[in-house]
Amino acid sequence: MQKPTDLRVEVVAVKGKCPIYDQGDSFVIAEGFKLITERPLCFHSLAAILPYYVALSRGVPPVSLGLAREGASAFVQCLDPCDRTGGGTVVFRISPRP
């Protein structure tokens, strides 16, 4: 079985006002299951990432998952519908960690 690739999850956009994330924040998913971070994380963000992180760490192209138009990075957004809640909707780029 192929060894999982580490993934870097980066905040690329924030619509509204997120109480946790700012653009440029990031964390790592190492070895396919270890969450590495120096800051608090939001469960909304993890819920958006959970369906995809195993496939992405195993080399499944983001395009084949419907998470990108091209390239090696996938894009997902958190589950907070900020237009309805007054919170913030965050867009994440998930990329293989160099």
PDB file of N, CA and C in Angstrom:
ATOM      1  N   MET A   1       0.846  -1.184   0.000  1.00  0.00           N
ATOM      2  CA  MET A   1       0.000   0.000   0.000  1.00  0.00           C
ATOM      3  C   MET A   1       0.889   1.244   0.000  1.00  0.00           C
ATOM      4  N   GLN A   2       0.493   2.229  -0.754  1.00  0.00           N
ATOM      5  CA  GLN A   2       1.230   3.492  -0.856  1.00  0.00           C
ATOM      6  C   GLN A   2       1.199   4.252   0.473  1.00  0.00           C
ATOM      7  N   LYS A   3       2.353   4.789   0.855  1.00  0.00           N
ATOM      8  CA  LYS A   3       2.424   5.600   2.073  1.00  0.00           C
ATOM      9  C   LYS A   3       1.689   6.916   1.833  1.00  0.00           C
ATOM     10  N   PRO A   4       0.862   7.376   2.780  1.00  0.00           N
ATOM     11  CA  PRO A   4       0.121   8.629   2.580  1.00  0.00           C
ATOM     12  C   PRO A   4       1.044   9.833   2.472  1.00  0.00           C
ATOM     13  N   THR A   5       0.634  10.774   1.651  1.00  0.00           N
ATOM     14  CA  THR A   5       1.325  12.050   1.518  1.00  0.00           C
ATOM     15  C   THR A   5       0.778  13.004   2.567  1.00  0.00           C
ATOM     16  N   ASP A   6       1.659  13.791   3.186  1.00  0.00           N
ATOM     17  CA  ASP A   6       1.201  14.828   4.106  1.00  0.00           C
ATOM     18  C   ASP A   6       0.451  15.892   3.322  1.00  0.00           C
ATOM     19  N   LEU A   7      -0.579  16.456   3.930  1.00  0.00           N
ATOM     20  CA  LEU A   7      -1.388  17.494   3.294  1.00  0.00           C
ATOM     21  C   LEU A   7      -1.286  18.793   4.083  1.00  0.00           C
ATOM     22  N   ARG A   8      -1.209  19.894   3.360  1.00  0.00           N
ATOM     23  CA  ARG A   8      -1.260  21.225   3.977  1.00  0.00           C
ATOM     24  C   ARG A   8      -2.628  21.806   3.671  1.00  0.00           C
ATOM     25  N   VAL A   9      -3.321  22.256   4.691  1.00  0.00           N
ATOM     26  CA  VAL A   9      -4.642  22.866   4.538  1.00  0.00           C
ATOM     27  C   VAL A   9      -4.479  24.347   4.855  1.00  0.00           C
ATOM     28  N   GLU A  10      -4.743  25.198   3.867  1.00  0.00           N
ATOM     29  CA  GLU A  10      -4.532  26.641   4.010  1.00  0.00           C
ATOM     30  C   GLU A  10      -5.817  27.408   3.773  1.00  0.00           C
ATOM     31  N   VAL A  11      -6.064  28.427   4.580  1.00  0.00           N
ATOM     32  CA  VAL A  11      -7.211  29.311   4.387  1.00  0.00           C
ATOM     33  C   VAL A  11      -6.872  30.275   3.247  1.00  0.00           C
ATOM     34  N   VAL A  12      -7.653  30.216   2.162  1.00  0.00           N
ATOM     35  CA  VAL A  12      -7.396  31.100   1.020  1.00  0.00           C
ATOM     36  C   VAL A  12      -8.403  32.234   0.921  1.00  0.00           C
ATOM     37  N   ALA A  13      -9.532  32.117   1.609  1.00  0.00           N
ATOM     38  CA  ALA A  13     -10.532  33.196   1.585  1.00  0.00           C
ATOM     39  C   ALA A  13     -11.472  33.050   2.775  1.00  0.00           C
ATOM     40  N   VAL A  14     -11.954  34.183   3.247  1.00  0.00           N
ATOM     41  CA  VAL A  14     -12.949  34.210   4.320  1.00  0.00           C
ATOM     42  C   VAL A  14     -14.058  35.161   3.890  1.00  0.00           C
ATOM     43  N   LYS A  15     -15.268  34.643   3.768  1.00  0.00           N
ATOM     44  CA  LYS A  15     -16.426  35.477   3.467  1.00  0.00           C
ATOM     45  C   LYS A  15     -17.158  35.700   4.779  1.00  0.00           C
ATOM     46  N   GLY A  16     -17.412  36.939   5.127  1.00  0.00           N
ATOM     47  CA  GLY A  16     -18.020  37.243   6.410  1.00  0.00           C
ATOM     48  C   GLY A  16     -16.952  37.381   7.475  1.00  0.00           C
ATOM     49  N   LYS A  17     -17.314  37.048   8.721  1.00  0.00           N
ATOM     50  CA  LYS A  17     -16.374  37.189   9.840  1.00  0.00           C
ATOM     51  C   LYS A  17     -16.262  35.853  10.577  1.00  0.00           C
ATOM     52  N   CYS A  18     -15.163  35.163  10.342  1.00  0.00           N
ATOM     53  CA  CYS A  18     -14.911  33.894  11.014  1.00  0.00           C
ATOM     54  C   CYS A  18     -14.207  34.163  12.344  1.00  0.00           C
ATOM     55  N   PRO A  19     -14.698  33.590  13.442  1.00  0.00           N
ATOM     56  CA  PRO A  19     -14.061  33.830  14.743  1.00  0.00           C
ATOM     57  C   PRO A  19     -12.784  33.008  14.951  1.00  0.00           C
ATOM     58  N   ILE A  20     -12.461  32.100  14.046  1.00  0.00           N
ATOM     59  CA  ILE A  20     -11.305  31.220  14.215  1.00  0.00           C
ATOM     60  C   ILE A  20     -10.190  31.514  13.205  1.00  0.00           C
ATOM     61  N   TYR A  21     -10.533  31.595  11.931  1.00  0.00           N
ATOM     62  CA  TYR A  21      -9.522  31.638  10.880  1.00  0.00           C
ATOM     63  C   TYR A  21      -9.370  33.015  10.236  1.00  0.00           C
ATOM     64  N   ASP A  22      -8.142  33.269   9.785  1.00  0.00           N
ATOM     65  CA  ASP A  22      -7.819  34.406   8.928  1.00  0.00           C
ATOM     66  C   ASP A  22      -7.164  33.865   7.667  1.00  0.00           C
ATOM     67  N   GLN A  23      -7.249  34.626   6.600  1.00  0.00           N
ATOM     68  CA  GLN A  23      -6.586  34.229   5.365  1.00  0.00           C
ATOM     69  C   GLN A  23      -5.106  33.993   5.643  1.00  0.00           C
ATOM     70  N   GLY A  24      -4.572  32.895   5.113  1.00  0.00           N
ATOM     71  CA  GLY A  24      -3.170  32.544   5.310  1.00  0.00           C
ATOM     72  C   GLY A  24      -2.926  31.547   6.431  1.00  0.00           C
ATOM     73  N   ASP A  25      -3.908  31.339   7.321  1.00  0.00           N
ATOM     74  CA  ASP A  25      -3.753  30.342   8.374  1.00  0.00           C
ATOM     75  C   ASP A  25      -3.642  28.954   7.733  1.00  0.00           C
ATOM     76  N   SER A  26      -2.972  28.029   8.417  1.00  0.00           N
ATOM     77  CA  SER A  26      -2.854  26.682   7.869  1.00  0.00           C
ATOM     78  C   SER A  26      -2.625  25.664   8.970  1.00  0.00           C
ATOM     79  N   PHE A  27      -2.830  24.402   8.609  1.00  0.00           N
ATOM     80  CA  PHE A  27      -2.499  23.271   9.460  1.00  0.00           C
ATOM     81  C   PHE A  27      -2.153  22.100   8.559  1.00  0.00           C
ATOM     82  N   VAL A  28      -1.649  21.025   9.157  1.00  0.00           N
ATOM     83  CA  VAL A  28      -1.156  19.884   8.391  1.00  0.00           C
ATOM     84  C   VAL A  28      -1.869  18.613   8.830  1.00  0.00           C
ATOM     85  N   ILE A  29      -2.136  17.751   7.853  1.00  0.00           N
ATOM     86  CA  ILE A  29      -2.577  16.390   8.133  1.00  0.00           C
ATOM     87  C   ILE A  29      -1.412  15.502   7.705  1.00  0.00           C
ATOM     88  N   ALA A  30      -0.716  14.926   8.686  1.00  0.00           N
ATOM     89  CA  ALA A  30       0.490  14.147   8.422  1.00  0.00           C
ATOM     90  C   ALA A  30       0.195  12.648   8.449  1.00  0.00           C
ATOM     91  N   GLU A  31       0.912  11.927   7.601  1.00  0.00           N
ATOM     92  CA  GLU A  31       0.841  10.466   7.544  1.00  0.00           C
ATOM     93  C   GLU A  31      -0.580   9.932   7.367  1.00  0.00           C
ATOM     94  N   GLY A  32      -1.456  10.758   6.812  1.00  0.00           N
ATOM     95  CA  GLY A  32      -2.806  10.313   6.515  1.00  0.00           C
ATOM     96  C   GLY A  32      -3.803  10.416   7.651  1.00  0.00           C
ATOM     97  N   PHE A  33      -3.344  10.797   8.884  1.00  0.00           N
ATOM     98  CA  PHE A  33      -4.302  10.850   9.990  1.00  0.00           C
ATOM     99  C   PHE A  33      -3.909  11.770  11.146  1.00  0.00           C
ATOM    100  N   LYS A  34      -2.691  12.255  11.195  1.00  0.00           N
ATOM    101  CA  LYS A  34      -2.250  13.084  12.330  1.00  0.00           C
ATOM    102  C   LYS A  34      -2.520  14.558  12.046  1.00  0.00           C
ATOM    103  N   LEU A  35      -3.324  15.172  12.878  1.00  0.00           N
ATOM    104  CA  LEU A  35      -3.646  16.588  12.739  1.00  0.00           C
ATOM    105  C   LEU A  35      -2.591  17.393  13.484  1.00  0.00           C
ATOM    106  N   ILE A  36      -1.842  18.227  12.762  1.00  0.00           N
ATOM    107  CA  ILE A  36      -0.760  19.007  13.353  1.00  0.00           C
ATOM    108  C   ILE A  36      -1.092  20.485  13.207  1.00  0.00           C
ATOM    109  N   THR A  37      -1.185  21.165  14.352  1.00  0.00           N
ATOM    110  CA  THR A  37      -1.542  22.568  14.342  1.00  0.00           C
ATOM    111  C   THR A  37      -0.994  23.267  15.573  1.00  0.00           C
ATOM    112  N   GLU A  38      -0.750  24.538  15.431  1.00  0.00           N
ATOM    113  CA  GLU A  38      -0.315  25.362  16.559  1.00  0.00           C
ATOM    114  C   GLU A  38      -1.428  26.297  17.024  1.00  0.00           C
ATOM    115  N   ARG A  39      -2.610  26.141  16.465  1.00  0.00           N
ATOM    116  CA  ARG A  39      -3.718  27.050  16.761  1.00  0.00           C
ATOM    117  C   ARG A  39      -5.024  26.271  16.897  1.00  0.00           C
ATOM    118  N   PRO A  40      -6.034  26.877  17.470  1.00  0.00           N
ATOM    119  CA  PRO A  40      -7.340  26.198  17.553  1.00  0.00           C
ATOM    120  C   PRO A  40      -7.916  25.966  16.156  1.00  0.00           C
ATOM    121  N   LEU A  41      -8.700  24.923  16.020  1.00  0.00           N
ATOM    122  CA  LEU A  41      -9.387  24.617  14.774  1.00  0.00           C
ATOM    123  C   LEU A  41     -10.890  24.617  15.015  1.00  0.00           C
ATOM    124  N   CYS A  42     -11.643  24.761  13.947  1.00  0.00           N
ATOM    125  CA  CYS A  42     -13.096  24.785  14.007  1.00  0.00           C
ATOM    126  C   CYS A  42     -13.656  23.470  13.462  1.00  0.00           C
ATOM    127  N   PHE A  43     -14.640  22.898  14.151  1.00  0.00           N
ATOM    128  CA  PHE A  43     -15.240  21.651  13.687  1.00  0.00           C
ATOM    129  C   PHE A  43     -15.943  21.800  12.336  1.00  0.00           C
ATOM    130  N   HIS A  44     -16.468  22.994  12.032  1.00  0.00           N
ATOM    131  CA  HIS A  44     -17.066  23.193  10.706  1.00  0.00           C
ATOM    132  C   HIS A  44     -16.043  22.899   9.622  1.00  0.00           C
ATOM    133  N   SER A  45     -14.817  23.347   9.815  1.00  0.00           N
ATOM    134  CA  SER A  45     -13.787  23.133   8.794  1.00  0.00           C
ATOM    135  C   SER A  45     -13.433  21.657   8.696  1.00  0.00           C
ATOM    136  N   LEU A  46     -13.313  20.991   9.829  1.00  0.00           N
ATOM    137  CA  LEU A  46     -12.956  19.578   9.786  1.00  0.00           C
ATOM    138  C   LEU A  46     -14.045  18.752   9.121  1.00  0.00           C
ATOM    139  N   ALA A  47     -15.299  19.109   9.343  1.00  0.00           N
ATOM    140  CA  ALA A  47     -16.402  18.385   8.710  1.00  0.00           C
ATOM    141  C   ALA A  47     -16.342  18.502   7.189  1.00  0.00           C
ATOM    142  N   ALA A  48     -15.873  19.633   6.685  1.00  0.00           N
ATOM    143  CA  ALA A  48     -15.769  19.829   5.237  1.00  0.00           C
ATOM    144  C   ALA A  48     -14.603  19.048   4.641  1.00  0.00           C
ATOM    145  N   ILE A  49     -13.563  18.834   5.432  1.00  0.00           N
ATOM    146  CA  ILE A  49     -12.346  18.180   4.950  1.00  0.00           C
ATOM    147  C   ILE A  49     -12.420  16.662   5.086  1.00  0.00           C
ATOM    148  N   LEU A  50     -13.107  16.165   6.106  1.00  0.00           N
ATOM    149  CA  LEU A  50     -13.128  14.736   6.408  1.00  0.00           C
ATOM    150  C   LEU A  50     -13.487  13.818   5.233  1.00  0.00           C
ATOM    151  N   PRO A  51     -14.452  14.148   4.394  1.00  0.00           N
ATOM    152  CA  PRO A  51     -14.784  13.209   3.313  1.00  0.00           C
ATOM    153  C   PRO A  51     -13.671  13.014   2.282  1.00  0.00           C
ATOM    154  N   TYR A  52     -12.683  13.900   2.256  1.00  0.00           N
ATOM    155  CA  TYR A  52     -11.709  13.908   1.167  1.00  0.00           C
ATOM    156  C   TYR A  52     -10.266  13.646   1.562  1.00  0.00           C
ATOM    157  N   TYR A  53      -9.901  13.837   2.838  1.00  0.00           N
ATOM    158  CA  TYR A  53      -8.486  13.835   3.182  1.00  0.00           C
ATOM    159  C   TYR A  53      -7.802  12.489   2.924  1.00  0.00           C
ATOM    160  N   VAL A  54      -8.485  11.377   3.113  1.00  0.00           N
ATOM    161  CA  VAL A  54      -7.848  10.085   2.868  1.00  0.00           C
ATOM    162  C   VAL A  54      -7.533   9.928   1.387  1.00  0.00           C
ATOM    163  N   ALA A  55      -8.497  10.195   0.526  1.00  0.00           N
ATOM    164  CA  ALA A  55      -8.256  10.074  -0.917  1.00  0.00           C
ATOM    165  C   ALA A  55      -7.142  11.006  -1.373  1.00  0.00           C
ATOM    166  N   LEU A  56      -7.164  12.253  -0.905  1.00  0.00           N
ATOM    167  CA  LEU A  56      -6.128  13.205  -1.308  1.00  0.00           C
ATOM    168  C   LEU A  56      -4.754  12.784  -0.808  1.00  0.00           C
ATOM    169  N   SER A  57      -4.677  12.259   0.404  1.00  0.00           N
ATOM    170  CA  SER A  57      -3.380  11.830   0.935  1.00  0.00           C
ATOM    171  C   SER A  57      -2.855  10.584   0.225  1.00  0.00           C
ATOM    172  N   ARG A  58      -3.733   9.864  -0.447  1.00  0.00           N
ATOM    173  CA  ARG A  58      -3.344   8.665  -1.203  1.00  0.00           C
ATOM    174  C   ARG A  58      -3.124   8.952  -2.687  1.00  0.00           C
ATOM    175  N   GLY A  59      -3.155  10.242  -3.057  1.00  0.00           N
ATOM    176  CA  GLY A  59      -2.807  10.623  -4.425  1.00  0.00           C
ATOM    177  C   GLY A  59      -3.946  10.687  -5.421  1.00  0.00           C
ATOM    178  N   VAL A  60      -5.185  10.590  -4.957  1.00  0.00           N
ATOM    179  CA  VAL A  60      -6.311  10.731  -5.885  1.00  0.00           C
ATOM    180  C   VAL A  60      -6.356  12.187  -6.347  1.00  0.00           C
ATOM    181  N   PRO A  61      -6.363  12.426  -7.662  1.00  0.00           N
ATOM    182  CA  PRO A  61      -6.351  13.812  -8.158  1.00  0.00           C
ATOM    183  C   PRO A  61      -7.613  14.580  -7.736  1.00  0.00           C
ATOM    184  N   PRO A  62      -7.447  15.813  -7.255  1.00  0.00           N
ATOM    185  CA  PRO A  62      -8.601  16.630  -6.854  1.00  0.00           C
ATOM    186  C   PRO A  62      -9.624  16.807  -7.973  1.00  0.00           C
ATOM    187  N   VAL A  63      -9.172  16.871  -9.215  1.00  0.00           N
ATOM    188  CA  VAL A  63     -10.092  17.029 -10.350  1.00  0.00           C
ATOM    189  C   VAL A  63     -11.059  15.849 -10.416  1.00  0.00           C
ATOM    190  N   SER A  64     -10.555  14.645 -10.166  1.00  0.00           N
ATOM    191  CA  SER A  64     -11.419  13.464 -10.245  1.00  0.00           C
ATOM    192  C   SER A  64     -12.440  13.410  -9.109  1.00  0.00           C
ATOM    193  N   LEU A  65     -12.181  14.160  -8.036  1.00  0.00           N
ATOM    194  CA  LEU A  65     -13.127  14.239  -6.915  1.00  0.00           C
ATOM    195  C   LEU A  65     -14.083  15.420  -7.045  1.00  0.00           C
ATOM    196  N   GLY A  66     -13.917  16.223  -8.098  1.00  0.00           N
ATOM    197  CA  GLY A  66     -14.749  17.411  -8.275  1.00  0.00           C
ATOM    198  C   GLY A  66     -14.342  18.558  -7.368  1.00  0.00           C
ATOM    199  N   LEU A  67     -13.087  18.567  -6.894  1.00  0.00           N
ATOM    200  CA  LEU A  67     -12.625  19.583  -5.948  1.00  0.00           C
ATOM    201  C   LEU A  67     -11.679  20.605  -6.572  1.00  0.00           C
ATOM    202  N   ALA A  68     -11.504  20.539  -7.888  1.00  0.00           N
ATOM    203  CA  ALA A  68     -10.640  21.490  -8.594  1.00  0.00           C
ATOM    204  C   ALA A  68     -10.919  21.392 -10.082  1.00  0.00           C
ATOM    205  N   ARG A  69     -10.560  22.443 -10.795  1.00  0.00           N
ATOM    206  CA  ARG A  69     -10.649  22.422 -12.264  1.00  0.00           C
ATOM    207  C   ARG A  69      -9.389  21.832 -12.871  1.00  0.00           C
ATOM    208  N   GLU A  70      -8.244  22.078 -12.176  1.00  0.00           N
ATOM    209  CA  GLU A  70      -6.952  21.563 -12.630  1.00  0.00           C
ATOM    210  C   GLU A  70      -5.971  21.631 -11.473  1.00  0.00           C
ATOM    211  N   GLY A  71      -4.840  20.970 -11.620  1.00  0.00           N
ATOM    212  CA  GLY A  71      -3.773  21.070 -10.635  1.00  0.00           C
ATOM    213  C   GLY A  71      -3.868  20.072  -9.499  1.00  0.00           C
ATOM    214  N   ALA A  72      -2.919  20.197  -8.566  1.00  0.00           N
ATOM    215  CA  ALA A  72      -2.773  19.252  -7.466  1.00  0.00           C
ATOM    216  C   ALA A  72      -3.462  19.702  -6.189  1.00  0.00           C
ATOM    217  N   SER A  73      -4.051  20.890  -6.174  1.00  0.00           N
ATOM    218  CA  SER A  73      -4.717  21.396  -4.973  1.00  0.00           C
ATOM    219  C   SER A  73      -6.225  21.226  -5.072  1.00  0.00           C
ATOM    220  N   ALA A  74      -6.815  20.847  -3.937  1.00  0.00           N
ATOM    221  CA  ALA A  74      -8.268  20.715  -3.826  1.00  0.00           C
ATOM    222  C   ALA A  74      -8.802  21.934  -3.067  1.00  0.00           C
ATOM    223  N   PHE A  75     -10.060  22.266  -3.307  1.00  0.00           N
ATOM    224  CA  PHE A  75     -10.698  23.394  -2.625  1.00  0.00           C
ATOM    225  C   PHE A  75     -12.018  22.944  -2.030  1.00  0.00           C
ATOM    226  N   VAL A  76     -12.205  23.266  -0.738  1.00  0.00           N
ATOM    227  CA  VAL A  76     -13.468  23.011  -0.045  1.00  0.00           C
ATOM    228  C   VAL A  76     -13.786  24.231   0.802  1.00  0.00           C
ATOM    229  N   GLN A  77     -15.036  24.335   1.246  1.00  0.00           N
ATOM    230  CA  GLN A  77     -15.391  25.432   2.151  1.00  0.00           C
ATOM    231  C   GLN A  77     -16.087  24.873   3.376  1.00  0.00           C
ATOM    232  N   CYS A  78     -15.982  25.620   4.458  1.00  0.00           N
ATOM    233  CA  CYS A  78     -16.607  25.170   5.701  1.00  0.00           C
ATOM    234  C   CYS A  78     -18.124  25.191   5.557  1.00  0.00           C
ATOM    235  N   LEU A  79     -18.786  24.647   6.545  1.00  0.00           N
ATOM    236  CA  LEU A  79     -20.236  24.456   6.474  1.00  0.00           C
ATOM    237  C   LEU A  79     -21.062  25.619   7.007  1.00  0.00           C
ATOM    238  N   ASP A  80     -20.423  26.690   7.466  1.00  0.00           N
ATOM    239  CA  ASP A  80     -21.150  27.830   8.021  1.00  0.00           C
ATOM    240  C   ASP A  80     -21.714  28.698   6.894  1.00  0.00           C
ATOM    241  N   PRO A  81     -23.030  28.738   6.713  1.00  0.00           N
ATOM    242  CA  PRO A  81     -23.623  29.587   5.683  1.00  0.00           C
ATOM    243  C   PRO A  81     -23.699  31.036   6.184  1.00  0.00           C
ATOM    244  N   CYS A  82     -22.602  31.770   6.053  1.00  0.00           N
ATOM    245  CA  CYS A  82     -22.461  33.077   6.715  1.00  0.00           C
ATOM    246  C   CYS A  82     -23.566  34.073   6.352  1.00  0.00           C
ATOM    247  N   ASP A  83     -24.145  33.952   5.169  1.00  0.00           N
ATOM    248  CA  ASP A  83     -25.235  34.862   4.803  1.00  0.00           C
ATOM    249  C   ASP A  83     -26.443  34.685   5.720  1.00  0.00           C
ATOM    250  N   ARG A  84     -26.569  33.529   6.331  1.00  0.00           N
ATOM    251  CA  ARG A  84     -27.698  33.232   7.221  1.00  0.00           C
ATOM    252  C   ARG A  84     -27.343  33.331   8.702  1.00  0.00           C
ATOM    253  N   THR A  85     -26.053  33.104   9.029  1.00  0.00           N
ATOM    254  CA  THR A  85     -25.671  33.020  10.439  1.00  0.00           C
ATOM    255  C   THR A  85     -24.943  34.248  10.964  1.00  0.00           C
ATOM    256  N   GLY A  86     -24.414  35.071  10.055  1.00  0.00           N
ATOM    257  CA  GLY A  86     -23.613  36.207  10.486  1.00  0.00           C
ATOM    258  C   GLY A  86     -22.185  35.826  10.823  1.00  0.00           C
ATOM    259  N   GLY A  87     -21.839  34.563  10.591  1.00  0.00           N
ATOM    260  CA  GLY A  87     -20.482  34.082  10.843  1.00  0.00           C
ATOM    261  C   GLY A  87     -19.599  34.262   9.628  1.00  0.00           C
ATOM    262  N   GLY A  88     -18.748  33.292   9.391  1.00  0.00           N
ATOM    263  CA  GLY A  88     -17.824  33.374   8.268  1.00  0.00           C
ATOM    264  C   GLY A  88     -17.719  32.055   7.547  1.00  0.00           C
ATOM    265  N   THR A  89     -17.756  32.104   6.225  1.00  0.00           N
ATOM    266  CA  THR A  89     -17.549  30.919   5.405  1.00  0.00           C
ATOM    267  C   THR A  89     -16.107  30.950   4.920  1.00  0.00           C
ATOM    268  N   VAL A  90     -15.371  29.892   5.199  1.00  0.00           N
ATOM    269  CA  VAL A  90     -13.946  29.835   4.909  1.00  0.00           C
ATOM    270  C   VAL A  90     -13.683  28.867   3.770  1.00  0.00           C
ATOM    271  N   VAL A  91     -12.835  29.286   2.817  1.00  0.00           N
ATOM    272  CA  VAL A  91     -12.421  28.428   1.712  1.00  0.00           C
ATOM    273  C   VAL A  91     -11.008  27.932   2.012  1.00  0.00           C
ATOM    274  N   PHE A  92     -10.819  26.615   1.882  1.00  0.00           N
ATOM    275  CA  PHE A  92      -9.534  25.972   2.158  1.00  0.00           C
ATOM    276  C   PHE A  92      -8.935  25.397   0.884  1.00  0.00           C
ATOM    277  N   ARG A  93      -7.616  25.529   0.745  1.00  0.00           N
ATOM    278  CA  ARG A  93      -6.876  24.833  -0.302  1.00  0.00           C
ATOM    279  C   ARG A  93      -6.142  23.685   0.383  1.00  0.00           C
ATOM    280  N   ILE A  94      -6.335  22.488  -0.125  1.00  0.00           N
ATOM    281  CA  ILE A  94      -5.675  21.290   0.413  1.00  0.00           C
ATOM    282  C   ILE A  94      -4.660  20.839  -0.632  1.00  0.00           C
ATOM    283  N   SER A  95      -3.388  20.857  -0.248  1.00  0.00           N
ATOM    284  CA  SER A  95      -2.303  20.551  -1.180  1.00  0.00           C
ATOM    285  C   SER A  95      -1.347  19.538  -0.581  1.00  0.00           C
ATOM    286  N   PRO A  96      -0.696  18.754  -1.456  1.00  0.00           N
ATOM    287  CA  PRO A  96       0.372  17.892  -0.944  1.00  0.00           C
ATOM    288  C   PRO A  96       1.441  18.773  -0.296  1.00  0.00           C
ATOM    289  N   ARG A  97       1.925  18.346   0.846  1.00  0.00           N
ATOM    290  CA  ARG A  97       2.948  19.125   1.563  1.00  0.00           C
ATOM    291  C   ARG A  97       4.316  18.838   0.961  1.00  0.00           C
ATOM    292  N   PRO A  98       5.019  19.894   0.573  1.00  0.00           N
ATOM    293  CA  PRO A  98       6.356  19.670  -0.022  1.00  0.00           C
ATOM    294  C   PRO A  98       7.342  19.123   0.999  1.00  0.00           C
TER     295      PRO A  98
END
